[in-house]
Amino acid sequence: MSCGRPTQVAEHNRYQRHYYETRELPRMTPISSPYVLQHLERLLSVARLSRDARLLEVGAGLGRYTLPLLEQGFTVTALDLSPVLLDKLRLEASAYDVRTVACDIAEVAEHVDERFSQAVGFFTLHHMHDLDLVMRELARVLTPGARVAFCEPNALNPLFYVQIVVTPGMTWRGDGGVVRMRPRVVLGAMERAGFGELGVERFGLFPPFIFNRRWGRRLEQWLDPVLPVRWLRTFQIFHGTLER
């Protein structure tokens, strides 16, 4: 690791904390909606997760996906870079037994004393500073055979770049990591960290203001099987199994 690397990581993390701790971001607010549940249900289906084992959620934020995971019977350890966001998550999830860990995922092995057989993340990898480092360090707190899955924006869909430009509060520095969410990049980092059985599943067509309406969901359900260009789907789930 070069001399400048720790400084770059620290600066990246400072910016990410400032970005999320100092502004209202409705897209992170815990809310049960068809749009949120769509992401959760697709990821659970792909990852084949068990409710009998503790689940590590990477980049839990305010708990937008933590809460539905808890409601569905999962025992969750919620990890996030920001202790401020995790304080708010604990308030939202006060009725549940949720453990929180505030640290950089690259330092997670120094902050947890257990190993997990499953890990997930929702819209978090594109905020990470180094995917190879993240996957390598994540593997250190997983058991052999652990299942992992990450739901992310599709880097090939131009609508995300339009969203960054036109949405108040979004910046290229804060959200521009979407451009790295390509299978070659993400699955490559997973493979180098020891993950196998790798795959990516793409899904979704409409933004929340359409999908959350019944007619929008029906329209997407009708269009999905007839549209030929699957690589332009809105979201993607990267998944794999730790082999070592």
C-alpha atoms as a PDB file:
ATOM      1  CA  MET A   1       0.000   0.000   0.000  1.00  0.00           C
ATOM      2  CA  SER A   2       1.433   3.363  -0.976  1.00  0.00           C
ATOM      3  CA  CYS A   3       2.150   6.087   1.571  1.00  0.00           C
ATOM      4  CA  GLY A   4      -0.672   8.203   0.228  1.00  0.00           C
ATOM      5  CA  ARG A   5      -3.283   5.469   0.387  1.00  0.00           C
ATOM      6  CA  PRO A   6      -4.274   5.812   4.085  1.00  0.00           C
ATOM      7  CA  THR A   7      -4.670   9.565   3.610  1.00  0.00           C
ATOM      8  CA  GLN A   8      -6.874   9.038   0.556  1.00  0.00           C
ATOM      9  CA  VAL A   9      -9.059   6.540   2.405  1.00  0.00           C
ATOM     10  CA  ALA A  10      -9.389   8.842   5.421  1.00  0.00           C
ATOM     11  CA  GLU A  11     -10.378  11.762   3.188  1.00  0.00           C
ATOM     12  CA  HIS A  12     -12.874   9.597   1.331  1.00  0.00           C
ATOM     13  CA  ASN A  13     -14.449   8.478   4.597  1.00  0.00           C
ATOM     14  CA  ARG A  14     -14.585  12.026   5.969  1.00  0.00           C
ATOM     15  CA  TYR A  15     -16.406  13.191   2.872  1.00  0.00           C
ATOM     16  CA  GLN A  16     -18.853  10.283   2.936  1.00  0.00           C
ATOM     17  CA  ARG A  17     -19.694  10.911   6.591  1.00  0.00           C
ATOM     18  CA  HIS A  18     -20.174  14.632   5.977  1.00  0.00           C
ATOM     19  CA  TYR A  19     -22.256  13.892   2.881  1.00  0.00           C
ATOM     20  CA  TYR A  20     -24.708  11.686   4.777  1.00  0.00           C
ATOM     21  CA  GLU A  21     -24.672  13.251   8.233  1.00  0.00           C
ATOM     22  CA  THR A  22     -25.287  16.875   7.259  1.00  0.00           C
ATOM     23  CA  ARG A  23     -28.244  16.675   4.880  1.00  0.00           C
ATOM     24  CA  GLU A  24     -31.708  15.217   4.645  1.00  0.00           C
ATOM     25  CA  LEU A  25     -31.742  12.343   2.173  1.00  0.00           C
ATOM     26  CA  PRO A  26     -35.291  11.059   1.626  1.00  0.00           C
ATOM     27  CA  ARG A  27     -34.005   8.102  -0.398  1.00  0.00           C
ATOM     28  CA  MET A  28     -32.390   6.735   2.802  1.00  0.00           C
ATOM     29  CA  THR A  29     -35.296   7.320   5.190  1.00  0.00           C
ATOM     30  CA  PRO A  30     -36.751   4.076   6.592  1.00  0.00           C
ATOM     31  CA  ILE A  31     -40.075   3.569   4.886  1.00  0.00           C
ATOM     32  CA  SER A  32     -41.997   0.471   3.944  1.00  0.00           C
ATOM     33  CA  SER A  33     -43.005   0.752   0.307  1.00  0.00           C
ATOM     34  CA  PRO A  34     -43.404  -1.609  -2.657  1.00  0.00           C
ATOM     35  CA  TYR A  35     -40.223  -0.103  -4.101  1.00  0.00           C
ATOM     36  CA  VAL A  36     -38.130  -0.952  -1.018  1.00  0.00           C
ATOM     37  CA  LEU A  37     -39.702  -4.371  -0.590  1.00  0.00           C
ATOM     38  CA  GLN A  38     -38.982  -5.172  -4.234  1.00  0.00           C
ATOM     39  CA  HIS A  39     -35.245  -4.779  -3.620  1.00  0.00           C
ATOM     40  CA  LEU A  40     -35.404  -6.804  -0.431  1.00  0.00           C
ATOM     41  CA  GLU A  41     -37.443  -9.657  -1.878  1.00  0.00           C
ATOM     42  CA  ARG A  42     -35.299  -9.963  -4.991  1.00  0.00           C
ATOM     43  CA  LEU A  43     -32.103 -10.035  -2.946  1.00  0.00           C
ATOM     44  CA  LEU A  44     -33.459 -12.602  -0.477  1.00  0.00           C
ATOM     45  CA  SER A  45     -34.547 -14.797  -3.364  1.00  0.00           C
ATOM     46  CA  VAL A  46     -31.154 -14.644  -5.063  1.00  0.00           C
ATOM     47  CA  ALA A  47     -29.035 -14.989  -1.916  1.00  0.00           C
ATOM     48  CA  ARG A  48     -30.996 -17.831  -0.283  1.00  0.00           C
ATOM     49  CA  LEU A  49     -30.438 -16.433   3.199  1.00  0.00           C
ATOM     50  CA  SER A  50     -31.327 -18.192   6.433  1.00  0.00           C
ATOM     51  CA  ARG A  51     -33.223 -16.655   9.359  1.00  0.00           C
ATOM     52  CA  ASP A  52     -31.434 -19.067  11.701  1.00  0.00           C
ATOM     53  CA  ALA A  53     -28.049 -17.323  11.438  1.00  0.00           C
ATOM     54  CA  ARG A  54     -26.997 -13.773  12.247  1.00  0.00           C
ATOM     55  CA  LEU A  55     -26.838 -11.553   9.182  1.00  0.00           C
ATOM     56  CA  LEU A  56     -24.223  -8.833   8.608  1.00  0.00           C
ATOM     57  CA  GLU A  57     -25.675  -5.831   6.791  1.00  0.00           C
ATOM     58  CA  VAL A  58     -22.973  -3.625   5.252  1.00  0.00           C
ATOM     59  CA  GLY A  59     -23.749   0.076   4.916  1.00  0.00           C
ATOM     60  CA  ALA A  60     -26.970  -0.059   6.925  1.00  0.00           C
ATOM     61  CA  GLY A  61     -27.332   3.736   7.132  1.00  0.00           C
ATOM     62  CA  LEU A  62     -30.607   4.820   8.727  1.00  0.00           C
ATOM     63  CA  GLY A  63     -32.018   1.300   8.513  1.00  0.00           C
ATOM     64  CA  ARG A  64     -34.149   1.512   5.390  1.00  0.00           C
ATOM     65  CA  TYR A  65     -33.521  -2.182   4.734  1.00  0.00           C
ATOM     66  CA  THR A  66     -32.544  -3.157   8.262  1.00  0.00           C
ATOM     67  CA  LEU A  67     -36.077  -2.649   9.554  1.00  0.00           C
ATOM     68  CA  PRO A  68     -37.794  -4.906   6.995  1.00  0.00           C
ATOM     69  CA  LEU A  69     -35.084  -7.518   7.548  1.00  0.00           C
ATOM     70  CA  LEU A  70     -35.838  -7.426  11.277  1.00  0.00           C
ATOM     71  CA  GLU A  71     -39.571  -7.525  10.606  1.00  0.00           C
ATOM     72  CA  GLN A  72     -39.049 -10.659   8.528  1.00  0.00           C
ATOM     73  CA  GLY A  73     -37.307 -12.420  11.396  1.00  0.00           C
ATOM     74  CA  PHE A  74     -33.619 -11.909  10.618  1.00  0.00           C
ATOM     75  CA  THR A  75     -31.112 -11.267  13.396  1.00  0.00           C
ATOM     76  CA  VAL A  76     -29.046  -8.381  12.060  1.00  0.00           C
ATOM     77  CA  THR A  77     -25.688  -6.846  12.841  1.00  0.00           C
ATOM     78  CA  ALA A  78     -25.885  -3.435  11.149  1.00  0.00           C
ATOM     79  CA  LEU A  79     -22.549  -1.967  10.074  1.00  0.00           C
ATOM     80  CA  ASP A  80     -22.048   1.580   8.839  1.00  0.00           C
ATOM     81  CA  LEU A  81     -19.242   4.107   8.607  1.00  0.00           C
ATOM     82  CA  SER A  82     -21.343   6.716  10.434  1.00  0.00           C
ATOM     83  CA  PRO A  83     -22.144   6.410  14.163  1.00  0.00           C
ATOM     84  CA  VAL A  84     -24.585   9.294  13.689  1.00  0.00           C
ATOM     85  CA  LEU A  85     -26.698   7.291  11.251  1.00  0.00           C
ATOM     86  CA  LEU A  86     -26.503   4.193  13.430  1.00  0.00           C
ATOM     87  CA  ASP A  87     -27.764   6.153  16.451  1.00  0.00           C
ATOM     88  CA  LYS A  88     -30.841   7.047  14.427  1.00  0.00           C
ATOM     89  CA  LEU A  89     -31.186   3.452  13.230  1.00  0.00           C
ATOM     90  CA  ARG A  90     -31.242   2.174  16.819  1.00  0.00           C
ATOM     91  CA  LEU A  91     -34.060   4.577  17.645  1.00  0.00           C
ATOM     92  CA  GLU A  92     -36.071   3.360  14.659  1.00  0.00           C
ATOM     93  CA  ALA A  93     -35.366  -0.281  15.547  1.00  0.00           C
ATOM     94  CA  SER A  94     -35.807   0.041  19.317  1.00  0.00           C
ATOM     95  CA  ALA A  95     -38.349  -2.794  19.360  1.00  0.00           C
ATOM     96  CA  TYR A  96     -35.779  -5.243  17.978  1.00  0.00           C
ATOM     97  CA  ASP A  97     -32.513  -6.796  19.113  1.00  0.00           C
ATOM     98  CA  VAL A  98     -30.172  -5.221  16.584  1.00  0.00           C
ATOM     99  CA  ARG A  99     -26.435  -4.864  17.077  1.00  0.00           C
ATOM    100  CA  THR A 100     -24.687  -1.929  15.405  1.00  0.00           C
ATOM    101  CA  VAL A 101     -21.029  -1.533  14.481  1.00  0.00           C
ATOM    102  CA  ALA A 102     -19.635   1.860  13.429  1.00  0.00           C
ATOM    103  CA  CYS A 103     -16.497   1.428  11.323  1.00  0.00           C
ATOM    104  CA  ASP A 104     -15.060   1.303   7.833  1.00  0.00           C
ATOM    105  CA  ILE A 105     -15.830  -2.104   6.328  1.00  0.00           C
ATOM    106  CA  ALA A 106     -12.093  -2.385   5.661  1.00  0.00           C
ATOM    107  CA  GLU A 107     -11.595  -2.482   9.461  1.00  0.00           C
ATOM    108  CA  VAL A 108     -14.536  -4.699  10.359  1.00  0.00           C
ATOM    109  CA  ALA A 109     -12.388  -7.582  11.614  1.00  0.00           C
ATOM    110  CA  GLU A 110     -11.067  -5.294  14.349  1.00  0.00           C
ATOM    111  CA  HIS A 111     -14.583  -4.438  15.541  1.00  0.00           C
ATOM    112  CA  VAL A 112     -16.473  -7.744  15.607  1.00  0.00           C
ATOM    113  CA  ASP A 113     -15.646 -10.906  17.508  1.00  0.00           C
ATOM    114  CA  GLU A 114     -17.819 -13.319  15.545  1.00  0.00           C
ATOM    115  CA  ARG A 115     -17.964 -14.793  12.073  1.00  0.00           C
ATOM    116  CA  PHE A 116     -21.014 -14.538   9.858  1.00  0.00           C
ATOM    117  CA  SER A 117     -22.442 -17.057   7.415  1.00  0.00           C
ATOM    118  CA  GLN A 118     -24.266 -14.390   5.394  1.00  0.00           C
ATOM    119  CA  ALA A 119     -23.842 -10.731   4.485  1.00  0.00           C
ATOM    120  CA  VAL A 120     -25.811  -8.254   2.413  1.00  0.00           C
ATOM    121  CA  GLY A 121     -25.681  -4.636   1.341  1.00  0.00           C
ATOM    122  CA  PHE A 122     -28.165  -2.309  -0.319  1.00  0.00           C
ATOM    123  CA  PHE A 123     -26.807   0.546  -2.442  1.00  0.00           C
ATOM    124  CA  THR A 124     -23.548   0.704  -0.512  1.00  0.00           C
ATOM    125  CA  LEU A 125     -20.747  -0.685  -2.707  1.00  0.00           C
ATOM    126  CA  HIS A 126     -20.747   2.348  -4.992  1.00  0.00           C
ATOM    127  CA  HIS A 127     -19.784   4.473  -1.974  1.00  0.00           C
ATOM    128  CA  MET A 128     -16.779   2.310  -1.052  1.00  0.00           C
ATOM    129  CA  HIS A 129     -13.208   3.525  -1.537  1.00  0.00           C
ATOM    130  CA  ASP A 130     -11.591   0.264  -2.716  1.00  0.00           C
ATOM    131  CA  LEU A 131     -13.657  -2.768  -3.721  1.00  0.00           C
ATOM    132  CA  ASP A 132     -10.715  -5.176  -3.571  1.00  0.00           C
ATOM    133  CA  LEU A 133      -9.914  -4.099  -0.020  1.00  0.00           C
ATOM    134  CA  VAL A 134     -13.581  -4.170   0.979  1.00  0.00           C
ATOM    135  CA  MET A 135     -14.163  -7.696  -0.306  1.00  0.00           C
ATOM    136  CA  ARG A 136     -10.922  -8.995   1.144  1.00  0.00           C
ATOM    137  CA  GLU A 137     -11.680  -7.602   4.596  1.00  0.00           C
ATOM    138  CA  LEU A 138     -15.316  -8.682   4.464  1.00  0.00           C
ATOM    139  CA  ALA A 139     -14.133 -12.223   3.779  1.00  0.00           C
ATOM    140  CA  ARG A 140     -12.166 -12.153   7.038  1.00  0.00           C
ATOM    141  CA  VAL A 141     -15.369 -12.030   9.097  1.00  0.00           C
ATOM    142  CA  LEU A 142     -17.240 -14.665   7.089  1.00  0.00           C
ATOM    143  CA  THR A 143     -17.250 -18.432   7.454  1.00  0.00           C
ATOM    144  CA  PRO A 144     -16.383 -20.695   4.510  1.00  0.00           C
ATOM    145  CA  GLY A 145     -19.518 -21.171   2.447  1.00  0.00           C
ATOM    146  CA  ALA A 146     -20.970 -17.822   3.537  1.00  0.00           C
ATOM    147  CA  ARG A 147     -23.493 -16.318   1.139  1.00  0.00           C
ATOM    148  CA  VAL A 148     -23.194 -12.636   0.188  1.00  0.00           C
ATOM    149  CA  ALA A 149     -25.350 -10.398  -1.975  1.00  0.00           C
ATOM    150  CA  PHE A 150     -25.301  -6.687  -2.836  1.00  0.00           C
ATOM    151  CA  CYS A 151     -28.089  -4.723  -4.512  1.00  0.00           C
ATOM    152  CA  GLU A 152     -26.697  -1.819  -6.546  1.00  0.00           C
ATOM    153  CA  PRO A 153     -27.643   0.573  -9.343  1.00  0.00           C
ATOM    154  CA  ASN A 154     -26.916  -0.679 -12.830  1.00  0.00           C
ATOM    155  CA  ALA A 155     -23.919   1.283 -14.126  1.00  0.00           C
ATOM    156  CA  LEU A 156     -25.134   0.809 -17.702  1.00  0.00           C
ATOM    157  CA  ASN A 157     -28.448   2.564 -17.078  1.00  0.00           C
ATOM    158  CA  PRO A 158     -28.101   6.277 -17.962  1.00  0.00           C
ATOM    159  CA  LEU A 159     -30.964   7.326 -15.686  1.00  0.00           C
ATOM    160  CA  PHE A 160     -28.725   7.154 -12.622  1.00  0.00           C
ATOM    161  CA  TYR A 161     -26.357   9.743 -14.058  1.00  0.00           C
ATOM    162  CA  VAL A 162     -29.286  11.995 -14.890  1.00  0.00           C
ATOM    163  CA  GLN A 163     -30.494  11.552 -11.300  1.00  0.00           C
ATOM    164  CA  ILE A 164     -27.138  12.692  -9.896  1.00  0.00           C
ATOM    165  CA  VAL A 165     -27.255  15.835 -12.021  1.00  0.00           C
ATOM    166  CA  VAL A 166     -30.859  16.871 -11.339  1.00  0.00           C
ATOM    167  CA  THR A 167     -31.467  15.716  -7.746  1.00  0.00           C
ATOM    168  CA  PRO A 168     -30.823  18.326  -5.014  1.00  0.00           C
ATOM    169  CA  GLY A 169     -28.269  17.047  -2.523  1.00  0.00           C
ATOM    170  CA  MET A 170     -26.696  14.469  -4.839  1.00  0.00           C
ATOM    171  CA  THR A 171     -23.126  15.022  -6.034  1.00  0.00           C
ATOM    172  CA  TRP A 172     -20.787  13.184  -8.358  1.00  0.00           C
ATOM    173  CA  ARG A 173     -18.256  12.835  -5.556  1.00  0.00           C
ATOM    174  CA  GLY A 174     -20.876  11.366  -3.243  1.00  0.00           C
ATOM    175  CA  ASP A 175     -22.696   9.080  -5.688  1.00  0.00           C
ATOM    176  CA  GLY A 176     -20.515   8.839  -8.785  1.00  0.00           C
ATOM    177  CA  GLY A 177     -19.188   5.439  -7.769  1.00  0.00           C
ATOM    178  CA  VAL A 178     -22.176   4.061  -9.673  1.00  0.00           C
ATOM    179  CA  VAL A 179     -19.906   4.023 -12.723  1.00  0.00           C
ATOM    180  CA  ARG A 180     -17.857   1.228 -11.084  1.00  0.00           C
ATOM    181  CA  MET A 181     -20.872  -1.017 -10.559  1.00  0.00           C
ATOM    182  CA  ARG A 182     -20.064  -3.249 -13.521  1.00  0.00           C
ATOM    183  CA  PRO A 183     -19.826  -7.041 -13.261  1.00  0.00           C
ATOM    184  CA  ARG A 184     -16.197  -7.095 -14.379  1.00  0.00           C
ATOM    185  CA  VAL A 185     -15.260  -4.715 -11.559  1.00  0.00           C
ATOM    186  CA  VAL A 186     -17.463  -5.978  -8.716  1.00  0.00           C
ATOM    187  CA  LEU A 187     -17.343  -9.702  -9.430  1.00  0.00           C
ATOM    188  CA  GLY A 188     -13.629  -9.405 -10.159  1.00  0.00           C
ATOM    189  CA  ALA A 189     -13.019  -7.976  -6.682  1.00  0.00           C
ATOM    190  CA  MET A 190     -15.158 -10.721  -5.153  1.00  0.00           C
ATOM    191  CA  GLU A 191     -13.285 -13.440  -7.024  1.00  0.00           C
ATOM    192  CA  ARG A 192      -9.890 -12.103  -5.937  1.00  0.00           C
ATOM    193  CA  ALA A 193     -11.108 -12.131  -2.328  1.00  0.00           C
ATOM    194  CA  GLY A 194     -11.992 -15.819  -2.517  1.00  0.00           C
ATOM    195  CA  PHE A 195     -15.657 -15.761  -3.508  1.00  0.00           C
ATOM    196  CA  GLY A 196     -17.028 -18.224  -6.041  1.00  0.00           C
ATOM    197  CA  GLU A 197     -20.385 -19.204  -7.547  1.00  0.00           C
ATOM    198  CA  LEU A 198     -20.504 -15.605  -8.710  1.00  0.00           C
ATOM    199  CA  GLY A 199     -23.420 -14.093 -10.533  1.00  0.00           C
ATOM    200  CA  VAL A 200     -25.391 -10.952 -11.279  1.00  0.00           C
ATOM    201  CA  GLU A 201     -29.145 -10.586 -11.689  1.00  0.00           C
ATOM    202  CA  ARG A 202     -30.694  -7.428 -13.114  1.00  0.00           C
ATOM    203  CA  PHE A 203     -34.248  -6.304 -12.512  1.00  0.00           C
ATOM    204  CA  GLY A 204     -36.531  -3.286 -12.345  1.00  0.00           C
ATOM    205  CA  LEU A 205     -37.680  -0.648 -14.793  1.00  0.00           C
ATOM    206  CA  PHE A 206     -39.365   2.253 -13.019  1.00  0.00           C
ATOM    207  CA  PRO A 207     -38.402   4.824 -10.337  1.00  0.00           C
ATOM    208  CA  PRO A 208     -40.296   4.805  -7.016  1.00  0.00           C
ATOM    209  CA  PHE A 209     -42.884   7.445  -7.909  1.00  0.00           C
ATOM    210  CA  ILE A 210     -44.136   5.053 -10.611  1.00  0.00           C
ATOM    211  CA  PHE A 211     -43.420   1.654  -9.051  1.00  0.00           C
ATOM    212  CA  ASN A 212     -45.131   2.551  -5.768  1.00  0.00           C
ATOM    213  CA  ARG A 213     -48.402   2.936  -7.655  1.00  0.00           C
ATOM    214  CA  ARG A 214     -50.381  -0.201  -8.345  1.00  0.00           C
ATOM    215  CA  TRP A 215     -50.653   0.556 -12.054  1.00  0.00           C
ATOM    216  CA  GLY A 216     -46.885   1.106 -12.217  1.00  0.00           C
ATOM    217  CA  ARG A 217     -46.171  -2.302 -10.715  1.00  0.00           C
ATOM    218  CA  ARG A 218     -48.629  -3.946 -13.083  1.00  0.00           C
ATOM    219  CA  LEU A 219     -47.059  -2.186 -16.054  1.00  0.00           C
ATOM    220  CA  GLU A 220     -43.558  -3.271 -15.021  1.00  0.00           C
ATOM    221  CA  GLN A 221     -44.743  -6.837 -14.487  1.00  0.00           C
ATOM    222  CA  TRP A 222     -46.172  -6.824 -18.010  1.00  0.00           C
ATOM    223  CA  LEU A 223     -43.170  -5.166 -19.660  1.00  0.00           C
ATOM    224  CA  ASP A 224     -40.373  -7.060 -17.912  1.00  0.00           C
ATOM    225  CA  PRO A 225     -40.592 -10.348 -19.828  1.00  0.00           C
ATOM    226  CA  VAL A 226     -41.123  -8.704 -23.229  1.00  0.00           C
ATOM    227  CA  LEU A 227     -38.312  -6.128 -23.162  1.00  0.00           C
ATOM    228  CA  PRO A 228     -35.248  -7.752 -24.776  1.00  0.00           C
ATOM    229  CA  VAL A 229     -32.460  -5.525 -23.371  1.00  0.00           C
ATOM    230  CA  ARG A 230     -31.979  -6.980 -19.888  1.00  0.00           C
ATOM    231  CA  TRP A 231     -28.630  -5.278 -19.360  1.00  0.00           C
ATOM    232  CA  LEU A 232     -30.469  -1.936 -19.141  1.00  0.00           C
ATOM    233  CA  ARG A 233     -32.570  -2.997 -16.154  1.00  0.00           C
ATOM    234  CA  THR A 234     -32.418  -0.447 -13.336  1.00  0.00           C
ATOM    235  CA  PHE A 235     -30.909  -2.548 -10.540  1.00  0.00           C
ATOM    236  CA  GLN A 236     -28.558  -5.479 -10.173  1.00  0.00           C
ATOM    237  CA  ILE A 237     -27.728  -7.992  -7.470  1.00  0.00           C
ATOM    238  CA  PHE A 238     -24.156  -9.240  -7.244  1.00  0.00           C
ATOM    239  CA  HIS A 239     -23.918 -12.500  -5.334  1.00  0.00           C
ATOM    240  CA  GLY A 240     -21.461 -15.216  -4.441  1.00  0.00           C
ATOM    241  CA  THR A 241     -20.228 -17.754  -1.893  1.00  0.00           C
ATOM    242  CA  LEU A 242     -17.007 -17.580   0.112  1.00  0.00           C
ATOM    243  CA  GLU A 243     -14.871 -20.552  -0.903  1.00  0.00           C
ATOM    244  CA  ARG A 244     -11.943 -20.133   1.450  1.00  0.00           C
END
